[in-house]
Amino acid sequence: MEAPKPEPRIEKPDIAIKEPAKPRPKPEVKPKPEPRAQPRPEPARAKPREEEAQKRLREELAREQVAFALERERQQIREQLARDAAAASARGLEEYTARIRAKVRGNWILPPELKGNPEAVFNVVQLPSGEVLTVKLVRSSGVPAYDQAVERAILKSSPLPKPDRPELFSRELRLTFRPRD
C-alpha cells in the first residue's frame, strides 16, 4: 500500500479577502401567553372625562335646540310676511277695481224701469295705459237695458284708472256691477 500523499499546503497571501458575513440565524420568537384579562377598576380620572363628555353633549344639544327654535321663528316670520304681502296685494287690487267701478258709475245712465239690484259681470281687456280694447258680457243681469248701459259706461270710461302699484296691473279684468252698491 502506498502511503498517503501529503496535501499540498497553500500559503495565504498577505492581503486578506473578506468573505461576506453570513447572516446570523434569527432567534425564534415564541408568542407570549396572554394573561387573562382581569377587570381592572377604572381609574379615578375616568369619571371627570365622562362628565366632561356629557357636559359637551348637553351644550351641543342646547345649541342645536336654540338653532332649531331660531329657524322655526324665522320660518314663522317668513310665512307672516307672505300672508301680509298677499293681504296687501288683495287690498290694493280691491282698491284698484273699486276706483274703476266708481269711474264707470259716473258714466252710466240707468234705465228708468230698473227694479231690484241686478248683477252683471264683464271681462274687460285693457292696455297698460288703461285704454279699453274690448268689453264682453260674461253673466247677464237679466235686464238687457242695464247690461247695455253698463257696457257703454265701461267704454266711455276709457282710459281706466291705473293701479297705485304697477305690479297690480292686469290686462284682463273681471268686473262685477250692481246699480245699488
N, C-alpha and C. Protein backbone atom coordinates (compact mmCIF):
# COMPACT_ATOMS: atom_id res chain seq x y z
N MET A 1 0.77 -1.14 0.00
CA MET A 1 0.00 0.00 0.00
C MET A 1 0.83 1.24 0.00
N GLU A 2 0.35 2.04 -0.64
CA GLU A 2 1.12 3.26 -0.75
C GLU A 2 0.74 4.21 0.35
N ALA A 3 1.66 4.97 0.67
CA ALA A 3 1.42 5.93 1.76
C ALA A 3 0.62 7.10 1.24
N PRO A 4 -0.18 7.60 2.10
CA PRO A 4 -1.00 8.74 1.63
C PRO A 4 -0.11 9.91 1.31
N LYS A 5 -0.51 10.55 0.32
CA LYS A 5 0.25 11.71 -0.10
C LYS A 5 -0.13 12.88 0.79
N PRO A 6 0.89 13.58 1.15
CA PRO A 6 0.53 14.76 1.97
C PRO A 6 -0.13 15.82 1.08
N GLU A 7 -1.08 16.47 1.69
CA GLU A 7 -1.80 17.51 0.91
C GLU A 7 -0.91 18.70 0.75
N PRO A 8 -0.93 19.26 -0.41
CA PRO A 8 -0.08 20.43 -0.60
C PRO A 8 -0.60 21.58 0.26
N ARG A 9 0.29 22.32 0.74
CA ARG A 9 -0.07 23.45 1.58
C ARG A 9 -0.13 24.69 0.74
N ILE A 10 -1.21 25.43 0.92
CA ILE A 10 -1.34 26.68 0.17
C ILE A 10 -1.04 27.79 1.17
N GLU A 11 -0.18 28.61 0.77
CA GLU A 11 0.17 29.70 1.65
C GLU A 11 -0.82 30.83 1.45
N LYS A 12 -1.09 31.45 2.55
CA LYS A 12 -2.05 32.54 2.50
C LYS A 12 -1.35 33.79 2.02
N PRO A 13 -2.05 34.56 1.18
CA PRO A 13 -1.43 35.82 0.74
C PRO A 13 -1.47 36.85 1.85
N ASP A 14 -0.69 37.88 1.66
CA ASP A 14 -0.62 38.92 2.68
C ASP A 14 -1.93 39.71 2.77
N ILE A 15 -2.66 39.86 1.71
CA ILE A 15 -3.92 40.60 1.70
C ILE A 15 -5.03 39.60 1.96
N ALA A 16 -5.75 39.96 2.96
CA ALA A 16 -6.84 39.06 3.29
C ALA A 16 -8.10 39.51 2.56
N ILE A 17 -8.80 38.59 1.99
CA ILE A 17 -10.07 38.88 1.32
C ILE A 17 -11.17 38.55 2.30
N LYS A 18 -12.02 39.54 2.47
CA LYS A 18 -13.12 39.33 3.41
C LYS A 18 -14.21 38.55 2.74
N GLU A 19 -14.61 37.59 3.39
CA GLU A 19 -15.75 36.83 2.89
C GLU A 19 -17.02 37.50 3.39
N PRO A 20 -18.04 37.43 2.59
CA PRO A 20 -19.28 38.07 3.06
C PRO A 20 -19.74 37.42 4.34
N ALA A 21 -20.24 38.30 5.22
CA ALA A 21 -20.69 37.81 6.53
C ALA A 21 -21.93 36.98 6.35
N LYS A 22 -21.92 35.90 7.03
CA LYS A 22 -23.08 35.02 6.94
C LYS A 22 -24.14 35.56 7.89
N PRO A 23 -25.39 35.60 7.42
CA PRO A 23 -26.43 36.12 8.31
C PRO A 23 -26.59 35.22 9.51
N ARG A 24 -26.78 35.89 10.60
CA ARG A 24 -26.96 35.13 11.82
C ARG A 24 -28.39 34.63 11.88
N PRO A 25 -28.54 33.48 12.32
CA PRO A 25 -29.93 32.98 12.40
C PRO A 25 -30.69 33.77 13.46
N LYS A 26 -31.95 34.13 13.09
CA LYS A 26 -32.79 34.91 14.00
C LYS A 26 -33.34 33.97 15.04
N PRO A 27 -33.32 34.46 16.25
CA PRO A 27 -33.88 33.60 17.29
C PRO A 27 -35.38 33.53 17.10
N GLU A 28 -35.92 32.41 17.30
CA GLU A 28 -37.35 32.20 17.13
C GLU A 28 -38.08 32.87 18.27
N VAL A 29 -39.10 33.68 17.88
CA VAL A 29 -39.87 34.39 18.90
C VAL A 29 -41.08 33.55 19.24
N LYS A 30 -41.13 33.21 20.46
CA LYS A 30 -42.27 32.40 20.90
C LYS A 30 -43.34 33.35 21.40
N PRO A 31 -44.58 33.14 20.98
CA PRO A 31 -45.64 34.03 21.45
C PRO A 31 -45.78 33.89 22.95
N LYS A 32 -45.89 35.08 23.55
CA LYS A 32 -46.04 35.09 25.00
C LYS A 32 -47.47 34.72 25.33
N PRO A 33 -47.64 33.93 26.28
CA PRO A 33 -49.03 33.63 26.65
C PRO A 33 -49.65 34.89 27.26
N GLU A 34 -50.84 35.21 26.69
CA GLU A 34 -51.54 36.41 27.16
C GLU A 34 -52.14 36.14 28.51
N PRO A 35 -51.90 37.05 29.41
CA PRO A 35 -52.53 36.86 30.72
C PRO A 35 -54.04 37.09 30.57
N ARG A 36 -54.77 36.43 31.33
CA ARG A 36 -56.22 36.57 31.27
C ARG A 36 -56.58 37.99 31.68
N ALA A 37 -57.53 38.55 30.91
CA ALA A 37 -57.93 39.92 31.19
C ALA A 37 -58.70 39.96 32.49
N GLN A 38 -58.12 40.63 33.41
CA GLN A 38 -58.79 40.76 34.69
C GLN A 38 -59.42 42.15 34.74
N PRO A 39 -60.65 42.21 35.15
CA PRO A 39 -61.27 43.53 35.20
C PRO A 39 -60.52 44.41 36.19
N ARG A 40 -60.12 45.55 35.62
CA ARG A 40 -59.39 46.49 36.47
C ARG A 40 -60.36 47.59 36.89
N PRO A 41 -60.25 48.03 38.04
CA PRO A 41 -61.12 49.14 38.44
C PRO A 41 -60.73 50.37 37.63
N GLU A 42 -61.76 51.15 37.22
CA GLU A 42 -61.49 52.34 36.41
C GLU A 42 -60.73 53.33 37.26
N PRO A 43 -59.81 53.97 36.62
CA PRO A 43 -59.06 54.97 37.38
C PRO A 43 -60.00 56.09 37.81
N ALA A 44 -59.63 56.79 38.80
CA ALA A 44 -60.47 57.85 39.35
C ALA A 44 -60.64 58.99 38.35
N ARG A 45 -59.74 59.12 37.38
CA ARG A 45 -59.82 60.21 36.42
C ARG A 45 -60.85 59.94 35.34
N ALA A 46 -61.39 58.76 35.16
CA ALA A 46 -62.35 58.44 34.10
C ALA A 46 -63.66 59.18 34.31
N LYS A 47 -64.08 59.33 35.53
CA LYS A 47 -65.35 59.99 35.80
C LYS A 47 -65.34 61.45 35.35
N PRO A 48 -64.31 62.21 35.65
CA PRO A 48 -64.31 63.60 35.16
C PRO A 48 -64.34 63.67 33.64
N ARG A 49 -63.65 62.77 32.96
CA ARG A 49 -63.69 62.76 31.49
C ARG A 49 -65.09 62.46 31.00
N GLU A 50 -65.72 61.51 31.63
CA GLU A 50 -67.08 61.14 31.25
C GLU A 50 -68.02 62.32 31.50
N GLU A 51 -67.84 62.99 32.61
CA GLU A 51 -68.67 64.14 32.92
C GLU A 51 -68.43 65.27 31.93
N GLU A 52 -67.18 65.47 31.52
CA GLU A 52 -66.87 66.49 30.52
C GLU A 52 -67.55 66.16 29.20
N ALA A 53 -67.49 64.90 28.80
CA ALA A 53 -68.12 64.49 27.54
C ALA A 53 -69.63 64.72 27.62
N GLN A 54 -70.23 64.37 28.73
CA GLN A 54 -71.67 64.59 28.88
C GLN A 54 -71.99 66.08 28.87
N LYS A 55 -71.14 66.87 29.49
CA LYS A 55 -71.35 68.31 29.52
C LYS A 55 -71.28 68.88 28.10
N ARG A 56 -70.27 68.41 27.33
CA ARG A 56 -70.16 68.86 25.94
C ARG A 56 -71.39 68.46 25.13
N LEU A 57 -71.88 67.23 25.33
CA LEU A 57 -73.07 66.77 24.63
C LEU A 57 -74.28 67.62 24.99
N ARG A 58 -74.43 67.94 26.28
CA ARG A 58 -75.56 68.78 26.70
C ARG A 58 -75.47 70.17 26.07
N GLU A 59 -74.25 70.73 26.03
CA GLU A 59 -74.06 72.05 25.44
C GLU A 59 -74.38 72.02 23.95
N GLU A 60 -73.93 70.97 23.26
CA GLU A 60 -74.20 70.85 21.83
C GLU A 60 -75.70 70.69 21.58
N LEU A 61 -76.36 69.89 22.42
CA LEU A 61 -77.80 69.72 22.29
C LEU A 61 -78.53 71.04 22.52
N ALA A 62 -78.09 71.81 23.50
CA ALA A 62 -78.70 73.11 23.78
C ALA A 62 -78.51 74.05 22.58
N ARG A 63 -77.30 74.04 21.98
CA ARG A 63 -77.06 74.89 20.80
C ARG A 63 -77.97 74.48 19.64
N GLU A 64 -78.11 73.17 19.43
CA GLU A 64 -78.98 72.69 18.35
C GLU A 64 -80.43 73.08 18.60
N GLN A 65 -80.87 73.01 19.85
CA GLN A 65 -82.24 73.39 20.16
C GLN A 65 -82.46 74.88 19.92
N VAL A 66 -81.48 75.69 20.29
CA VAL A 66 -81.58 77.13 20.05
C VAL A 66 -81.62 77.40 18.54
N ALA A 67 -80.75 76.72 17.80
CA ALA A 67 -80.73 76.91 16.35
C ALA A 67 -82.05 76.48 15.73
N PHE A 68 -82.60 75.37 16.19
CA PHE A 68 -83.89 74.89 15.68
C PHE A 68 -84.99 75.89 16.00
N ALA A 69 -84.99 76.43 17.21
CA ALA A 69 -86.01 77.40 17.61
C ALA A 69 -85.88 78.68 16.77
N LEU A 70 -84.65 79.10 16.51
CA LEU A 70 -84.45 80.29 15.68
C LEU A 70 -84.93 80.06 14.25
N GLU A 71 -84.63 78.89 13.71
CA GLU A 71 -85.08 78.58 12.35
C GLU A 71 -86.60 78.52 12.28
N ARG A 72 -87.21 77.93 13.28
CA ARG A 72 -88.68 77.86 13.32
C ARG A 72 -89.27 79.28 13.39
N GLU A 73 -88.65 80.14 14.20
CA GLU A 73 -89.13 81.52 14.32
C GLU A 73 -88.96 82.27 13.00
N ARG A 74 -87.83 82.05 12.34
CA ARG A 74 -87.61 82.68 11.03
C ARG A 74 -88.66 82.23 10.02
N GLN A 75 -88.98 80.93 10.04
CA GLN A 75 -89.98 80.40 9.12
C GLN A 75 -91.34 81.03 9.40
N GLN A 76 -91.70 81.19 10.67
CA GLN A 76 -92.97 81.82 11.02
C GLN A 76 -92.99 83.27 10.55
N ILE A 77 -91.87 83.96 10.69
CA ILE A 77 -91.80 85.35 10.23
C ILE A 77 -91.97 85.42 8.72
N ARG A 78 -91.29 84.50 7.99
CA ARG A 78 -91.43 84.48 6.52
C ARG A 78 -92.88 84.22 6.12
N GLU A 79 -93.53 83.27 6.81
CA GLU A 79 -94.93 82.97 6.49
C GLU A 79 -95.82 84.17 6.78
N GLN A 80 -95.57 84.86 7.90
CA GLN A 80 -96.38 86.04 8.24
C GLN A 80 -96.16 87.14 7.21
N LEU A 81 -94.92 87.33 6.79
CA LEU A 81 -94.64 88.34 5.76
C LEU A 81 -95.34 88.00 4.45
N ALA A 82 -95.35 86.71 4.10
CA ALA A 82 -96.04 86.29 2.87
C ALA A 82 -97.54 86.55 2.98
N ARG A 83 -98.12 86.23 4.16
CA ARG A 83 -99.55 86.49 4.35
C ARG A 83 -99.84 87.99 4.29
N ASP A 84 -98.98 88.78 4.92
CA ASP A 84 -99.17 90.24 4.89
C ASP A 84 -99.07 90.78 3.47
N ALA A 85 -98.09 90.27 2.71
CA ALA A 85 -97.93 90.73 1.33
C ALA A 85 -99.14 90.34 0.48
N ALA A 86 -99.65 89.12 0.69
CA ALA A 86 -100.82 88.68 -0.06
C ALA A 86 -102.04 89.53 0.31
N ALA A 87 -102.19 89.82 1.60
CA ALA A 87 -103.31 90.65 2.04
C ALA A 87 -103.19 92.06 1.47
N ALA A 88 -101.98 92.61 1.48
CA ALA A 88 -101.77 93.96 0.94
C ALA A 88 -102.05 93.98 -0.56
N SER A 89 -101.63 92.93 -1.24
CA SER A 89 -101.88 92.84 -2.67
C SER A 89 -103.39 92.74 -2.95
N ALA A 90 -104.08 91.94 -2.15
CA ALA A 90 -105.53 91.80 -2.33
C ALA A 90 -106.23 93.14 -2.05
N ARG A 91 -105.79 93.84 -1.00
CA ARG A 91 -106.39 95.16 -0.70
C ARG A 91 -106.12 96.13 -1.83
N GLY A 92 -104.88 96.13 -2.34
CA GLY A 92 -104.53 97.02 -3.45
C GLY A 92 -105.36 96.74 -4.69
N LEU A 93 -105.55 95.45 -4.98
CA LEU A 93 -106.35 95.06 -6.14
C LEU A 93 -107.81 95.46 -5.95
N GLU A 94 -108.32 95.29 -4.74
CA GLU A 94 -109.70 95.68 -4.46
C GLU A 94 -109.87 97.19 -4.59
N GLU A 95 -108.91 97.96 -4.10
CA GLU A 95 -108.98 99.42 -4.24
C GLU A 95 -108.92 99.82 -5.71
N TYR A 96 -108.08 99.12 -6.48
CA TYR A 96 -107.95 99.41 -7.91
C TYR A 96 -109.27 99.17 -8.64
N THR A 97 -109.88 98.01 -8.40
CA THR A 97 -111.15 97.72 -9.07
C THR A 97 -112.27 98.64 -8.57
N ALA A 98 -112.20 99.06 -7.30
CA ALA A 98 -113.21 99.99 -6.77
C ALA A 98 -113.10 101.34 -7.49
N ARG A 99 -111.88 101.80 -7.76
CA ARG A 99 -111.71 103.06 -8.50
C ARG A 99 -112.24 102.94 -9.92
N ILE A 100 -112.03 101.78 -10.55
CA ILE A 100 -112.57 101.57 -11.91
C ILE A 100 -114.10 101.58 -11.87
N ARG A 101 -114.69 100.85 -10.89
CA ARG A 101 -116.16 100.82 -10.79
C ARG A 101 -116.72 102.23 -10.55
N ALA A 102 -116.03 103.00 -9.71
CA ALA A 102 -116.50 104.37 -9.44
C ALA A 102 -116.48 105.21 -10.70
N LYS A 103 -115.44 105.07 -11.52
CA LYS A 103 -115.38 105.85 -12.77
C LYS A 103 -116.48 105.41 -13.73
N VAL A 104 -116.72 104.10 -13.80
CA VAL A 104 -117.77 103.59 -14.69
C VAL A 104 -119.14 104.07 -14.21
N ARG A 105 -119.38 104.05 -12.90
CA ARG A 105 -120.67 104.52 -12.35
C ARG A 105 -120.94 105.99 -12.71
N GLY A 106 -119.86 106.74 -12.73
CA GLY A 106 -120.02 108.15 -13.08
C GLY A 106 -120.43 108.34 -14.54
N ASN A 107 -120.26 107.32 -15.37
CA ASN A 107 -120.58 107.43 -16.79
C ASN A 107 -121.81 106.63 -17.21
N TRP A 108 -122.48 105.97 -16.32
CA TRP A 108 -123.63 105.19 -16.75
C TRP A 108 -124.93 105.94 -16.54
N ILE A 109 -125.85 105.62 -17.38
CA ILE A 109 -127.21 106.15 -17.28
C ILE A 109 -128.11 104.93 -17.16
N LEU A 110 -128.69 104.75 -15.97
CA LEU A 110 -129.51 103.56 -15.70
C LEU A 110 -130.88 103.69 -16.36
N PRO A 111 -131.40 102.57 -16.82
CA PRO A 111 -132.75 102.59 -17.39
C PRO A 111 -133.78 102.89 -16.30
N PRO A 112 -134.84 103.67 -16.59
CA PRO A 112 -135.80 104.07 -15.57
C PRO A 112 -136.62 102.89 -15.01
N GLU A 113 -136.86 101.86 -15.79
CA GLU A 113 -137.70 100.74 -15.34
C GLU A 113 -136.93 99.69 -14.55
N LEU A 114 -135.69 99.97 -14.13
CA LEU A 114 -134.84 99.02 -13.42
C LEU A 114 -135.39 98.75 -12.02
N LYS A 115 -135.63 97.48 -11.71
CA LYS A 115 -136.12 97.08 -10.39
C LYS A 115 -135.11 96.13 -9.74
N GLY A 116 -134.99 96.22 -8.43
CA GLY A 116 -134.09 95.34 -7.71
C GLY A 116 -132.64 95.80 -7.84
N ASN A 117 -131.75 94.85 -7.61
CA ASN A 117 -130.30 95.12 -7.67
C ASN A 117 -129.63 94.05 -8.53
N PRO A 118 -129.88 94.06 -9.86
CA PRO A 118 -129.32 93.01 -10.71
C PRO A 118 -127.79 93.12 -10.78
N GLU A 119 -127.18 91.98 -11.05
CA GLU A 119 -125.72 91.92 -11.12
C GLU A 119 -125.29 91.53 -12.52
N ALA A 120 -124.37 92.30 -13.09
CA ALA A 120 -123.81 91.99 -14.41
C ALA A 120 -122.29 91.85 -14.25
N VAL A 121 -121.72 90.84 -14.93
CA VAL A 121 -120.28 90.59 -14.85
C VAL A 121 -119.69 90.75 -16.25
N PHE A 122 -118.60 91.52 -16.32
CA PHE A 122 -117.95 91.81 -17.60
C PHE A 122 -116.47 91.46 -17.53
N ASN A 123 -115.94 91.01 -18.67
CA ASN A 123 -114.49 90.88 -18.85
C ASN A 123 -114.05 92.08 -19.66
N VAL A 124 -113.05 92.78 -19.16
CA VAL A 124 -112.54 93.97 -19.83
C VAL A 124 -111.07 93.74 -20.15
N VAL A 125 -110.70 93.95 -21.41
CA VAL A 125 -109.30 93.84 -21.82
C VAL A 125 -108.81 95.27 -22.05
N GLN A 126 -107.67 95.58 -21.40
CA GLN A 126 -107.14 96.93 -21.47
C GLN A 126 -105.66 96.94 -21.80
N LEU A 127 -105.18 98.08 -22.23
CA LEU A 127 -103.75 98.29 -22.45
C LEU A 127 -103.13 98.79 -21.15
N PRO A 128 -101.81 98.76 -21.05
CA PRO A 128 -101.17 99.29 -19.83
C PRO A 128 -101.49 100.76 -19.57
N SER A 129 -101.86 101.47 -20.61
CA SER A 129 -102.23 102.88 -20.45
C SER A 129 -103.63 103.04 -19.88
N GLY A 130 -104.40 101.95 -19.81
CA GLY A 130 -105.77 102.00 -19.30
C GLY A 130 -106.81 102.07 -20.42
N GLU A 131 -106.35 102.14 -21.67
CA GLU A 131 -107.28 102.19 -22.80
C GLU A 131 -108.03 100.86 -22.89
N VAL A 132 -109.35 100.93 -23.01
CA VAL A 132 -110.18 99.72 -23.09
C VAL A 132 -110.16 99.21 -24.52
N LEU A 133 -109.79 97.94 -24.69
CA LEU A 133 -109.80 97.32 -26.02
C LEU A 133 -111.12 96.63 -26.29
N THR A 134 -111.53 95.76 -25.36
CA THR A 134 -112.80 95.04 -25.55
C THR A 134 -113.54 94.95 -24.23
N VAL A 135 -114.86 94.85 -24.35
CA VAL A 135 -115.74 94.62 -23.20
C VAL A 135 -116.65 93.47 -23.60
N LYS A 136 -116.68 92.44 -22.74
CA LYS A 136 -117.50 91.26 -23.05
C LYS A 136 -118.36 90.93 -21.84
N LEU A 137 -119.66 90.76 -22.08
CA LEU A 137 -120.58 90.38 -21.02
C LEU A 137 -120.39 88.90 -20.72
N VAL A 138 -120.06 88.59 -19.47
CA VAL A 138 -119.82 87.21 -19.06
C VAL A 138 -121.10 86.62 -18.47
N ARG A 139 -121.75 87.39 -17.59
CA ARG A 139 -123.00 86.92 -16.99
C ARG A 139 -123.99 88.10 -16.99
N SER A 140 -125.10 87.87 -17.64
CA SER A 140 -126.11 88.92 -17.76
C SER A 140 -126.86 89.10 -16.45
N SER A 141 -127.35 90.30 -16.27
CA SER A 141 -128.15 90.61 -15.09
C SER A 141 -129.59 90.16 -15.28
N GLY A 142 -129.96 89.86 -16.49
CA GLY A 142 -131.35 89.51 -16.80
C GLY A 142 -132.12 90.72 -17.31
N VAL A 143 -131.50 91.87 -17.25
CA VAL A 143 -132.13 93.10 -17.74
C VAL A 143 -131.22 93.63 -18.87
N PRO A 144 -131.60 93.37 -20.11
CA PRO A 144 -130.74 93.75 -21.24
C PRO A 144 -130.42 95.25 -21.27
N ALA A 145 -131.36 96.10 -20.90
CA ALA A 145 -131.12 97.55 -20.93
C ALA A 145 -130.03 97.92 -19.92
N TYR A 146 -130.04 97.28 -18.76
CA TYR A 146 -129.00 97.54 -17.75
C TYR A 146 -127.64 97.05 -18.24
N ASP A 147 -127.59 95.85 -18.81
CA ASP A 147 -126.33 95.29 -19.33
C ASP A 147 -125.73 96.22 -20.38
N GLN A 148 -126.54 96.71 -21.28
CA GLN A 148 -126.05 97.61 -22.34
C GLN A 148 -125.58 98.95 -21.75
N ALA A 149 -126.30 99.46 -20.76
CA ALA A 149 -125.92 100.73 -20.14
C ALA A 149 -124.55 100.59 -19.47
N VAL A 150 -124.30 99.47 -18.79
CA VAL A 150 -123.00 99.27 -18.13
C VAL A 150 -121.91 99.12 -19.18
N GLU A 151 -122.18 98.38 -20.25
CA GLU A 151 -121.17 98.21 -21.30
C GLU A 151 -120.80 99.56 -21.92
N ARG A 152 -121.77 100.40 -22.20
CA ARG A 152 -121.49 101.74 -22.76
C ARG A 152 -120.68 102.57 -21.76
N ALA A 153 -121.03 102.47 -20.48
CA ALA A 153 -120.31 103.24 -19.46
C ALA A 153 -118.85 102.80 -19.36
N ILE A 154 -118.58 101.50 -19.49
CA ILE A 154 -117.19 100.99 -19.44
C ILE A 154 -116.40 101.56 -20.62
N LEU A 155 -116.99 101.51 -21.81
CA LEU A 155 -116.29 102.03 -22.99
C LEU A 155 -116.07 103.55 -22.87
N LYS A 156 -117.05 104.26 -22.32
CA LYS A 156 -116.95 105.71 -22.16
C LYS A 156 -115.89 106.07 -21.10
N SER A 157 -115.61 105.18 -20.15
CA SER A 157 -114.66 105.44 -19.07
C SER A 157 -113.21 105.25 -19.48
N SER A 158 -112.97 104.86 -20.73
CA SER A 158 -111.61 104.64 -21.21
C SER A 158 -110.90 105.98 -21.32
N PRO A 159 -109.68 106.13 -20.85
CA PRO A 159 -108.82 105.17 -20.18
C PRO A 159 -109.23 104.97 -18.72
N LEU A 160 -109.12 103.73 -18.30
CA LEU A 160 -109.44 103.37 -16.92
C LEU A 160 -108.32 103.83 -15.99
N PRO A 161 -108.63 104.04 -14.71
CA PRO A 161 -107.58 104.44 -13.76
C PRO A 161 -106.50 103.36 -13.67
N LYS A 162 -105.28 103.83 -13.41
CA LYS A 162 -104.16 102.90 -13.25
C LYS A 162 -104.04 102.53 -11.77
N PRO A 163 -103.49 101.34 -11.49
CA PRO A 163 -103.31 100.96 -10.09
C PRO A 163 -102.19 101.78 -9.44
N ASP A 164 -102.23 101.88 -8.11
CA ASP A 164 -101.19 102.61 -7.38
C ASP A 164 -99.84 101.91 -7.53
N ARG A 165 -99.86 100.59 -7.50
CA ARG A 165 -98.63 99.82 -7.65
C ARG A 165 -98.67 99.13 -9.03
N PRO A 166 -97.66 99.35 -9.85
CA PRO A 166 -97.67 98.79 -11.21
C PRO A 166 -97.80 97.27 -11.27
N GLU A 167 -97.33 96.57 -10.24
CA GLU A 167 -97.42 95.10 -10.27
C GLU A 167 -98.85 94.61 -10.15
N LEU A 168 -99.78 95.48 -9.78
CA LEU A 168 -101.19 95.09 -9.67
C LEU A 168 -101.93 95.18 -11.00
N PHE A 169 -101.29 95.77 -12.00
CA PHE A 169 -101.95 95.90 -13.30
C PHE A 169 -102.23 94.53 -13.89
N SER A 170 -103.43 94.40 -14.45
CA SER A 170 -103.81 93.17 -15.12
C SER A 170 -104.41 93.55 -16.47
N ARG A 171 -103.98 92.89 -17.51
CA ARG A 171 -104.50 93.19 -18.85
C ARG A 171 -105.98 92.85 -18.94
N GLU A 172 -106.37 91.76 -18.30
CA GLU A 172 -107.78 91.37 -18.30
C GLU A 172 -108.36 91.55 -16.91
N LEU A 173 -109.50 92.20 -16.86
CA LEU A 173 -110.18 92.42 -15.59
C LEU A 173 -111.55 91.77 -15.64
N ARG A 174 -111.98 91.23 -14.51
CA ARG A 174 -113.35 90.70 -14.39
C ARG A 174 -114.04 91.64 -13.42
N LEU A 175 -114.98 92.42 -13.93
CA LEU A 175 -115.65 93.43 -13.13
C LEU A 175 -117.12 93.08 -12.94
N THR A 176 -117.59 93.26 -11.71
CA THR A 176 -118.98 93.00 -11.35
C THR A 176 -119.66 94.33 -11.01
N PHE A 177 -120.83 94.53 -11.57
CA PHE A 177 -121.57 95.79 -11.33
C PHE A 177 -122.96 95.49 -10.82
N ARG A 178 -123.38 96.26 -9.80
CA ARG A 178 -124.75 96.26 -9.26
C ARG A 178 -125.15 97.72 -9.13
N PRO A 179 -126.34 98.08 -9.55
CA PRO A 179 -126.70 99.50 -9.52
C PRO A 179 -126.83 100.08 -8.11
N ARG A 180 -127.15 99.31 -7.10
CA ARG A 180 -127.41 99.84 -5.76
C ARG A 180 -126.22 99.65 -4.80
N ASP A 181 -125.09 99.22 -5.26
CA ASP A 181 -123.91 99.04 -4.38
C ASP A 181 -123.06 100.27 -4.37
